[in-house]
N, C-alpha and C. Protein backbone atom coordinates (compact mmCIF):
# COMPACT_ATOMS: atom_id res chain seq x y z
N MET A 1 11.16 -22.90 32.13
CA MET A 1 10.98 -21.73 31.29
C MET A 1 10.56 -22.17 29.89
N THR A 2 9.53 -21.53 29.33
CA THR A 2 9.08 -21.89 28.00
C THR A 2 9.72 -20.97 26.97
N ASP A 3 9.91 -21.50 25.79
CA ASP A 3 10.48 -20.71 24.70
C ASP A 3 9.40 -19.81 24.11
N ALA A 4 9.76 -18.57 23.85
CA ALA A 4 8.83 -17.64 23.22
C ALA A 4 8.68 -17.99 21.74
N VAL A 5 7.48 -17.82 21.23
CA VAL A 5 7.23 -18.03 19.81
C VAL A 5 7.61 -16.75 19.08
N THR A 6 8.42 -16.88 18.06
CA THR A 6 8.80 -15.72 17.27
C THR A 6 7.97 -15.69 15.99
N LEU A 7 7.98 -14.52 15.34
CA LEU A 7 7.24 -14.38 14.10
C LEU A 7 7.71 -15.38 13.06
N THR A 8 8.99 -15.70 13.06
CA THR A 8 9.50 -16.64 12.06
C THR A 8 8.94 -18.04 12.27
N ASP A 9 8.39 -18.31 13.46
CA ASP A 9 7.76 -19.61 13.72
C ASP A 9 6.29 -19.61 13.34
N MET A 10 5.77 -18.46 12.98
CA MET A 10 4.34 -18.33 12.72
C MET A 10 4.04 -18.57 11.24
N HIS A 11 2.80 -18.92 10.97
CA HIS A 11 2.33 -19.12 9.60
C HIS A 11 1.82 -17.78 9.05
N VAL A 12 2.37 -17.34 7.93
CA VAL A 12 1.96 -16.10 7.29
C VAL A 12 1.12 -16.43 6.07
N LYS A 13 -0.02 -15.77 5.97
CA LYS A 13 -0.91 -15.97 4.82
C LYS A 13 -1.36 -14.62 4.31
N LEU A 14 -1.13 -14.35 3.02
CA LEU A 14 -1.65 -13.15 2.38
C LEU A 14 -2.97 -13.51 1.72
N ARG A 15 -3.97 -12.64 1.93
CA ARG A 15 -5.26 -12.90 1.31
C ARG A 15 -5.85 -11.59 0.82
N GLU A 16 -6.60 -11.68 -0.27
CA GLU A 16 -7.30 -10.50 -0.76
C GLU A 16 -8.44 -10.19 0.20
N ALA A 17 -8.55 -8.92 0.55
CA ALA A 17 -9.59 -8.50 1.50
C ALA A 17 -10.97 -8.58 0.85
N ARG A 18 -11.92 -8.97 1.65
CA ARG A 18 -13.33 -9.01 1.25
C ARG A 18 -14.01 -7.78 1.84
N PRO A 19 -15.21 -7.43 1.37
CA PRO A 19 -15.89 -6.24 1.92
C PRO A 19 -16.02 -6.26 3.44
N GLU A 20 -16.24 -7.43 4.01
CA GLU A 20 -16.39 -7.52 5.47
C GLU A 20 -15.06 -7.35 6.22
N ASP A 21 -13.94 -7.26 5.49
CA ASP A 21 -12.62 -7.08 6.11
C ASP A 21 -12.24 -5.62 6.31
N PHE A 22 -13.05 -4.68 5.86
CA PHE A 22 -12.63 -3.29 5.91
C PHE A 22 -12.54 -2.73 7.33
N ASP A 23 -13.28 -3.27 8.27
CA ASP A 23 -13.08 -2.86 9.67
C ASP A 23 -11.71 -3.32 10.17
N ILE A 24 -11.27 -4.50 9.72
CA ILE A 24 -9.93 -5.01 10.07
C ILE A 24 -8.87 -4.10 9.49
N ILE A 25 -9.03 -3.69 8.24
CA ILE A 25 -8.06 -2.80 7.59
C ILE A 25 -7.99 -1.48 8.34
N ARG A 26 -9.15 -0.92 8.66
CA ARG A 26 -9.16 0.36 9.40
C ARG A 26 -8.48 0.20 10.77
N ASP A 27 -8.71 -0.93 11.43
CA ASP A 27 -8.07 -1.17 12.72
C ASP A 27 -6.55 -1.26 12.58
N LEU A 28 -6.07 -1.99 11.57
CA LEU A 28 -4.63 -2.10 11.34
C LEU A 28 -4.01 -0.73 11.08
N LEU A 29 -4.66 0.06 10.25
CA LEU A 29 -4.14 1.40 9.94
C LEU A 29 -4.12 2.28 11.18
N THR A 30 -5.18 2.23 11.97
CA THR A 30 -5.25 3.02 13.20
C THR A 30 -4.14 2.61 14.16
N ARG A 31 -3.91 1.31 14.31
CA ARG A 31 -2.86 0.81 15.20
C ARG A 31 -1.48 1.27 14.77
N CYS A 32 -1.34 1.59 13.47
CA CYS A 32 -0.05 2.05 12.94
C CYS A 32 0.00 3.57 12.80
N GLY A 33 -1.01 4.26 13.31
CA GLY A 33 -1.02 5.72 13.29
C GLY A 33 -1.34 6.34 11.95
N LEU A 34 -2.01 5.58 11.08
CA LEU A 34 -2.35 6.07 9.75
C LEU A 34 -3.83 6.43 9.68
N THR A 35 -4.17 7.30 8.74
CA THR A 35 -5.56 7.73 8.60
C THR A 35 -6.37 6.69 7.83
N THR A 36 -7.68 6.73 8.05
CA THR A 36 -8.57 5.74 7.43
C THR A 36 -9.69 6.37 6.63
N GLY A 37 -9.74 7.69 6.57
CA GLY A 37 -10.88 8.39 5.99
C GLY A 37 -11.20 8.05 4.54
N SER A 38 -10.20 7.77 3.72
CA SER A 38 -10.47 7.51 2.30
C SER A 38 -10.37 6.02 1.93
N VAL A 39 -10.37 5.15 2.94
CA VAL A 39 -10.32 3.71 2.66
C VAL A 39 -11.67 3.29 2.07
N THR A 40 -11.62 2.69 0.89
CA THR A 40 -12.83 2.27 0.21
C THR A 40 -12.53 1.04 -0.64
N SER A 41 -13.57 0.25 -0.89
CA SER A 41 -13.39 -0.92 -1.75
C SER A 41 -13.65 -0.58 -3.22
N GLU A 42 -14.21 0.58 -3.50
CA GLU A 42 -14.51 0.96 -4.87
C GLU A 42 -13.25 1.31 -5.64
N GLY A 43 -12.99 0.57 -6.72
CA GLY A 43 -11.82 0.82 -7.54
C GLY A 43 -10.51 0.45 -6.90
N CYS A 44 -10.56 -0.35 -5.84
CA CYS A 44 -9.36 -0.71 -5.08
C CYS A 44 -9.32 -2.20 -4.79
N THR A 45 -8.13 -2.69 -4.59
CA THR A 45 -7.91 -4.04 -4.08
C THR A 45 -7.05 -3.90 -2.85
N TYR A 46 -7.40 -4.61 -1.79
CA TYR A 46 -6.60 -4.62 -0.56
C TYR A 46 -6.22 -6.06 -0.25
N TRP A 47 -5.08 -6.19 0.41
CA TRP A 47 -4.64 -7.48 0.91
C TRP A 47 -4.40 -7.36 2.40
N ILE A 48 -4.64 -8.45 3.10
CA ILE A 48 -4.35 -8.54 4.52
C ILE A 48 -3.36 -9.67 4.72
N ALA A 49 -2.37 -9.44 5.56
CA ALA A 49 -1.42 -10.49 5.94
C ALA A 49 -1.84 -11.00 7.31
N ASP A 50 -2.18 -12.28 7.36
CA ASP A 50 -2.54 -12.91 8.62
C ASP A 50 -1.35 -13.68 9.16
N LEU A 51 -1.10 -13.55 10.46
CA LEU A 51 -0.05 -14.29 11.15
C LEU A 51 -0.73 -15.26 12.09
N ASP A 52 -0.65 -16.53 11.77
CA ASP A 52 -1.37 -17.57 12.52
C ASP A 52 -2.84 -17.19 12.68
N GLY A 53 -3.42 -16.67 11.60
CA GLY A 53 -4.83 -16.33 11.59
C GLY A 53 -5.18 -14.97 12.17
N VAL A 54 -4.17 -14.22 12.64
CA VAL A 54 -4.41 -12.90 13.23
C VAL A 54 -3.91 -11.83 12.26
N PRO A 55 -4.74 -10.86 11.86
CA PRO A 55 -4.30 -9.83 10.94
C PRO A 55 -3.10 -9.04 11.48
N GLY A 56 -2.03 -8.95 10.67
CA GLY A 56 -0.82 -8.26 11.09
C GLY A 56 -0.39 -7.14 10.18
N GLY A 57 -1.00 -7.04 9.00
CA GLY A 57 -0.62 -5.98 8.07
C GLY A 57 -1.59 -5.92 6.91
N CYS A 58 -1.50 -4.82 6.15
CA CYS A 58 -2.37 -4.65 4.99
C CYS A 58 -1.70 -3.73 3.98
N ILE A 59 -2.25 -3.76 2.78
CA ILE A 59 -1.83 -2.84 1.71
C ILE A 59 -3.00 -2.69 0.76
N GLY A 60 -3.11 -1.52 0.16
CA GLY A 60 -4.16 -1.27 -0.82
C GLY A 60 -3.56 -0.85 -2.15
N LEU A 61 -4.33 -1.08 -3.21
CA LEU A 61 -3.92 -0.70 -4.55
C LEU A 61 -5.14 -0.09 -5.23
N GLU A 62 -5.09 1.23 -5.47
CA GLU A 62 -6.16 1.91 -6.19
C GLU A 62 -5.86 1.80 -7.67
N HIS A 63 -6.88 1.44 -8.45
CA HIS A 63 -6.70 1.18 -9.87
C HIS A 63 -7.13 2.38 -10.71
N GLY A 64 -6.27 2.74 -11.65
CA GLY A 64 -6.59 3.81 -12.58
C GLY A 64 -6.36 3.33 -14.00
N PRO A 65 -6.48 4.21 -14.97
CA PRO A 65 -6.28 3.82 -16.37
C PRO A 65 -4.81 3.56 -16.69
N GLY A 66 -4.41 2.30 -16.61
CA GLY A 66 -3.04 1.92 -16.92
C GLY A 66 -2.02 2.18 -15.82
N VAL A 67 -2.49 2.63 -14.67
CA VAL A 67 -1.62 2.90 -13.52
C VAL A 67 -2.35 2.51 -12.24
N SER A 68 -1.60 2.35 -11.17
CA SER A 68 -2.19 2.09 -9.85
C SER A 68 -1.49 2.94 -8.81
N LEU A 69 -2.12 3.05 -7.66
CA LEU A 69 -1.60 3.84 -6.54
C LEU A 69 -1.60 2.96 -5.30
N ILE A 70 -0.41 2.71 -4.75
CA ILE A 70 -0.32 1.97 -3.49
C ILE A 70 -0.74 2.90 -2.36
N ARG A 71 -1.53 2.36 -1.45
CA ARG A 71 -1.99 3.15 -0.31
C ARG A 71 -2.23 2.24 0.88
N SER A 72 -2.35 2.83 2.04
CA SER A 72 -2.71 2.10 3.25
C SER A 72 -1.80 0.91 3.51
N THR A 73 -0.50 1.13 3.42
CA THR A 73 0.47 0.09 3.71
C THR A 73 0.80 0.15 5.20
N ALA A 74 0.55 -0.95 5.89
CA ALA A 74 0.78 -0.96 7.34
C ALA A 74 1.14 -2.36 7.82
N VAL A 75 2.07 -2.41 8.75
CA VAL A 75 2.41 -3.64 9.47
C VAL A 75 2.44 -3.26 10.95
N VAL A 76 1.70 -4.00 11.77
CA VAL A 76 1.64 -3.67 13.19
C VAL A 76 3.05 -3.75 13.79
N PRO A 77 3.33 -2.91 14.78
CA PRO A 77 4.69 -2.83 15.33
C PRO A 77 5.31 -4.17 15.72
N GLU A 78 4.54 -5.06 16.33
CA GLU A 78 5.10 -6.33 16.79
C GLU A 78 5.45 -7.29 15.65
N ALA A 79 5.05 -6.96 14.41
CA ALA A 79 5.32 -7.84 13.27
C ALA A 79 6.31 -7.24 12.28
N ARG A 80 6.90 -6.12 12.62
CA ARG A 80 7.80 -5.43 11.68
C ARG A 80 9.17 -6.10 11.60
N ASN A 81 9.87 -5.79 10.51
CA ASN A 81 11.23 -6.28 10.26
C ASN A 81 11.31 -7.80 10.14
N GLN A 82 10.24 -8.38 9.64
CA GLN A 82 10.20 -9.83 9.46
C GLN A 82 9.91 -10.21 8.00
N GLY A 83 9.82 -9.23 7.10
CA GLY A 83 9.53 -9.50 5.70
C GLY A 83 8.06 -9.41 5.33
N LEU A 84 7.22 -9.11 6.30
CA LEU A 84 5.78 -9.03 6.03
C LEU A 84 5.47 -7.87 5.10
N GLY A 85 6.06 -6.71 5.32
CA GLY A 85 5.85 -5.57 4.44
C GLY A 85 6.31 -5.86 3.03
N ARG A 86 7.45 -6.50 2.90
CA ARG A 86 7.96 -6.87 1.57
C ARG A 86 6.98 -7.79 0.86
N ALA A 87 6.41 -8.75 1.57
CA ALA A 87 5.44 -9.66 0.95
C ALA A 87 4.19 -8.90 0.48
N LEU A 88 3.72 -7.96 1.29
CA LEU A 88 2.55 -7.17 0.91
C LEU A 88 2.85 -6.30 -0.31
N VAL A 89 3.99 -5.61 -0.32
CA VAL A 89 4.35 -4.76 -1.44
C VAL A 89 4.53 -5.59 -2.71
N THR A 90 5.20 -6.72 -2.59
CA THR A 90 5.40 -7.59 -3.75
C THR A 90 4.06 -8.05 -4.32
N SER A 91 3.13 -8.37 -3.45
CA SER A 91 1.80 -8.78 -3.90
C SER A 91 1.12 -7.67 -4.69
N ALA A 92 1.17 -6.44 -4.18
CA ALA A 92 0.54 -5.32 -4.87
C ALA A 92 1.22 -5.04 -6.21
N LEU A 93 2.56 -5.07 -6.24
CA LEU A 93 3.27 -4.82 -7.49
C LEU A 93 3.00 -5.91 -8.52
N THR A 94 2.89 -7.14 -8.06
CA THR A 94 2.56 -8.25 -8.96
C THR A 94 1.18 -8.04 -9.56
N GLN A 95 0.21 -7.67 -8.74
CA GLN A 95 -1.15 -7.40 -9.23
C GLN A 95 -1.13 -6.28 -10.27
N ALA A 96 -0.42 -5.20 -9.98
CA ALA A 96 -0.35 -4.08 -10.92
C ALA A 96 0.27 -4.52 -12.25
N SER A 97 1.30 -5.34 -12.18
CA SER A 97 1.94 -5.85 -13.38
C SER A 97 0.99 -6.74 -14.17
N LEU A 98 0.27 -7.62 -13.48
CA LEU A 98 -0.69 -8.51 -14.14
C LEU A 98 -1.83 -7.73 -14.81
N LEU A 99 -2.16 -6.57 -14.24
CA LEU A 99 -3.18 -5.71 -14.83
C LEU A 99 -2.66 -4.96 -16.06
N GLY A 100 -1.35 -5.05 -16.30
CA GLY A 100 -0.75 -4.35 -17.43
C GLY A 100 -0.44 -2.90 -17.15
N ASN A 101 -0.38 -2.52 -15.87
CA ASN A 101 -0.07 -1.13 -15.53
C ASN A 101 1.30 -0.75 -16.04
N ARG A 102 1.42 0.49 -16.48
CA ARG A 102 2.73 0.99 -16.91
C ARG A 102 3.50 1.60 -15.75
N ALA A 103 2.78 1.97 -14.66
CA ALA A 103 3.45 2.56 -13.51
C ALA A 103 2.60 2.38 -12.26
N VAL A 104 3.29 2.46 -11.12
CA VAL A 104 2.64 2.43 -9.81
C VAL A 104 3.14 3.65 -9.05
N TYR A 105 2.22 4.34 -8.40
CA TYR A 105 2.53 5.53 -7.62
C TYR A 105 2.24 5.30 -6.15
N LEU A 106 2.73 6.22 -5.32
CA LEU A 106 2.36 6.25 -3.91
C LEU A 106 2.78 7.58 -3.32
N PHE A 107 2.23 7.88 -2.16
CA PHE A 107 2.64 9.04 -1.37
C PHE A 107 3.32 8.53 -0.11
N SER A 108 4.48 9.09 0.22
CA SER A 108 5.16 8.73 1.46
C SER A 108 6.15 9.81 1.83
N GLU A 109 5.92 10.46 2.94
CA GLU A 109 6.84 11.48 3.44
C GLU A 109 8.03 10.86 4.15
N GLU A 110 7.77 9.87 5.01
CA GLU A 110 8.79 9.36 5.90
C GLU A 110 9.53 8.11 5.42
N ALA A 111 8.95 7.36 4.51
CA ALA A 111 9.50 6.04 4.20
C ALA A 111 10.18 5.96 2.83
N GLY A 112 10.75 7.06 2.37
CA GLY A 112 11.38 7.06 1.06
C GLY A 112 12.44 6.00 0.87
N ASN A 113 13.31 5.82 1.85
CA ASN A 113 14.35 4.80 1.71
C ASN A 113 13.76 3.41 1.58
N TYR A 114 12.67 3.15 2.26
CA TYR A 114 11.99 1.86 2.14
C TYR A 114 11.51 1.65 0.70
N TRP A 115 10.85 2.65 0.14
CA TRP A 115 10.28 2.50 -1.21
C TRP A 115 11.36 2.44 -2.28
N ARG A 116 12.49 3.07 -2.04
CA ARG A 116 13.60 2.97 -3.00
C ARG A 116 14.05 1.51 -3.18
N ARG A 117 13.92 0.71 -2.13
CA ARG A 117 14.29 -0.72 -2.22
C ARG A 117 13.45 -1.45 -3.27
N PHE A 118 12.29 -0.91 -3.59
CA PHE A 118 11.40 -1.51 -4.59
C PHE A 118 11.46 -0.75 -5.91
N ASP A 119 12.53 0.02 -6.11
CA ASP A 119 12.78 0.77 -7.35
C ASP A 119 11.82 1.93 -7.58
N PHE A 120 11.26 2.49 -6.51
CA PHE A 120 10.49 3.71 -6.64
C PHE A 120 11.45 4.89 -6.65
N VAL A 121 11.11 5.90 -7.44
CA VAL A 121 11.89 7.12 -7.51
C VAL A 121 10.97 8.31 -7.21
N PRO A 122 11.54 9.43 -6.76
CA PRO A 122 10.69 10.59 -6.48
C PRO A 122 9.90 11.03 -7.71
N SER A 123 8.70 11.46 -7.47
CA SER A 123 7.81 11.98 -8.50
C SER A 123 7.19 13.25 -7.95
N THR A 124 6.07 13.66 -8.51
CA THR A 124 5.37 14.84 -8.01
C THR A 124 3.90 14.54 -7.79
N PRO A 125 3.29 15.21 -6.83
CA PRO A 125 1.84 15.04 -6.67
C PRO A 125 1.08 15.36 -7.95
N ASP A 126 1.54 16.36 -8.71
CA ASP A 126 0.84 16.72 -9.94
C ASP A 126 0.84 15.59 -10.96
N GLU A 127 1.92 14.79 -11.00
CA GLU A 127 1.95 13.65 -11.92
C GLU A 127 0.89 12.62 -11.51
N ILE A 128 0.76 12.38 -10.22
CA ILE A 128 -0.24 11.42 -9.75
C ILE A 128 -1.65 11.96 -10.00
N ILE A 129 -1.86 13.24 -9.73
CA ILE A 129 -3.17 13.86 -9.97
C ILE A 129 -3.55 13.72 -11.44
N ALA A 130 -2.61 13.97 -12.34
CA ALA A 130 -2.89 13.86 -13.77
C ALA A 130 -3.18 12.41 -14.19
N ALA A 131 -2.45 11.47 -13.60
CA ALA A 131 -2.60 10.07 -13.96
C ALA A 131 -3.85 9.43 -13.37
N MET A 132 -4.26 9.89 -12.16
CA MET A 132 -5.35 9.24 -11.43
C MET A 132 -6.25 10.27 -10.73
N PRO A 133 -6.87 11.17 -11.46
CA PRO A 133 -7.62 12.25 -10.81
C PRO A 133 -8.81 11.78 -9.98
N ALA A 134 -9.36 10.61 -10.28
CA ALA A 134 -10.53 10.12 -9.54
C ALA A 134 -10.19 9.12 -8.44
N ALA A 135 -8.90 8.83 -8.24
CA ALA A 135 -8.51 7.86 -7.20
C ALA A 135 -8.93 8.40 -5.83
N PRO A 136 -9.50 7.54 -4.98
CA PRO A 136 -9.96 8.01 -3.66
C PRO A 136 -8.91 8.76 -2.86
N GLN A 137 -7.65 8.32 -2.88
CA GLN A 137 -6.62 9.00 -2.11
C GLN A 137 -6.31 10.37 -2.72
N VAL A 138 -6.34 10.48 -4.04
CA VAL A 138 -6.10 11.76 -4.70
C VAL A 138 -7.25 12.72 -4.39
N VAL A 139 -8.48 12.24 -4.51
CA VAL A 139 -9.65 13.07 -4.20
C VAL A 139 -9.58 13.55 -2.75
N SER A 140 -9.24 12.65 -1.84
CA SER A 140 -9.11 13.01 -0.43
C SER A 140 -8.03 14.08 -0.24
N GLY A 141 -6.88 13.89 -0.88
CA GLY A 141 -5.78 14.84 -0.75
C GLY A 141 -6.12 16.21 -1.30
N LEU A 142 -6.84 16.25 -2.41
CA LEU A 142 -7.24 17.53 -2.99
C LEU A 142 -8.30 18.20 -2.12
N THR A 143 -9.26 17.42 -1.66
CA THR A 143 -10.35 17.96 -0.84
C THR A 143 -9.85 18.50 0.49
N LYS A 144 -8.93 17.76 1.12
CA LYS A 144 -8.45 18.13 2.44
C LYS A 144 -7.20 19.03 2.40
N GLY A 145 -6.64 19.21 1.19
CA GLY A 145 -5.54 20.14 1.02
C GLY A 145 -4.15 19.64 1.39
N TRP A 146 -3.97 18.34 1.60
CA TRP A 146 -2.65 17.83 2.00
C TRP A 146 -1.79 17.37 0.83
N ILE A 147 -2.36 17.18 -0.33
CA ILE A 147 -1.67 16.44 -1.40
C ILE A 147 -0.37 17.10 -1.87
N HIS A 148 -0.33 18.41 -1.98
CA HIS A 148 0.88 19.07 -2.49
C HIS A 148 2.00 19.15 -1.46
N ALA A 149 1.71 18.82 -0.22
CA ALA A 149 2.75 18.78 0.81
C ALA A 149 3.38 17.40 0.92
N GLU A 150 2.86 16.42 0.21
CA GLU A 150 3.34 15.05 0.28
C GLU A 150 4.45 14.79 -0.74
N GLN A 151 5.31 13.84 -0.41
CA GLN A 151 6.31 13.36 -1.36
C GLN A 151 5.65 12.24 -2.18
N ALA A 152 5.69 12.37 -3.47
CA ALA A 152 5.15 11.35 -4.38
C ALA A 152 6.29 10.46 -4.87
N TRP A 153 5.93 9.21 -5.16
CA TRP A 153 6.90 8.22 -5.65
C TRP A 153 6.30 7.48 -6.83
N LYS A 154 7.17 7.00 -7.71
CA LYS A 154 6.73 6.29 -8.91
C LYS A 154 7.67 5.13 -9.19
N ARG A 155 7.06 4.03 -9.60
CA ARG A 155 7.84 2.91 -10.13
C ARG A 155 7.28 2.58 -11.50
N THR A 156 8.14 2.65 -12.51
CA THR A 156 7.74 2.28 -13.86
C THR A 156 7.74 0.77 -13.97
N LEU A 157 6.67 0.22 -14.53
CA LEU A 157 6.58 -1.22 -14.69
C LEU A 157 6.86 -1.64 -16.12
N VAL A 158 6.15 -1.04 -17.08
CA VAL A 158 6.33 -1.41 -18.49
C VAL A 158 6.10 -0.20 -19.38
N GLY A 159 6.76 -0.21 -20.49
CA GLY A 159 6.33 0.58 -21.61
C GLY A 159 6.59 2.05 -21.72
N ASP A 160 6.35 2.88 -20.72
CA ASP A 160 6.36 4.33 -21.00
C ASP A 160 7.75 4.93 -21.03
N GLY A 161 8.77 4.18 -20.59
CA GLY A 161 10.15 4.66 -20.68
C GLY A 161 10.56 5.68 -19.64
N ALA A 162 9.60 6.22 -18.90
CA ALA A 162 9.95 7.19 -17.86
C ALA A 162 10.31 6.46 -16.59
N ALA A 163 11.04 7.12 -15.73
CA ALA A 163 11.40 6.49 -14.46
C ALA A 163 10.87 7.22 -13.32
């Protein structure tokens, strides 16, 4: 009998996505039951987590004036609960901090307890719309009419004193 290889035995590498990686990102999101319609490289940075060279997760960060919006966070089912999501989120938050962002936002209906672990607190869609009116996810939400039904979240990084 051979021993099964576990995720903890695998090599994990986070890398910034290149334009040719967007089909991989769309595939990861689709495999996780998430939408792909507003995924774009314009004004955004994405990261892919590779497990022994195989894409296992992704996260995006839309950039706005002094703020960012986390989007398209996904880890394939077979790679969950291994710290991969935490590594992706930490990477995005680090990038936002290095950019000098005062806050990071996101939309999440189902994963509020997960985001609270990263010091996100409930916010409102209107706050995100005001902060990032041209962000692809905001434009998509306004155009398709889903944005006001979503739970918004915010993490303050520096300076503005709000939580």
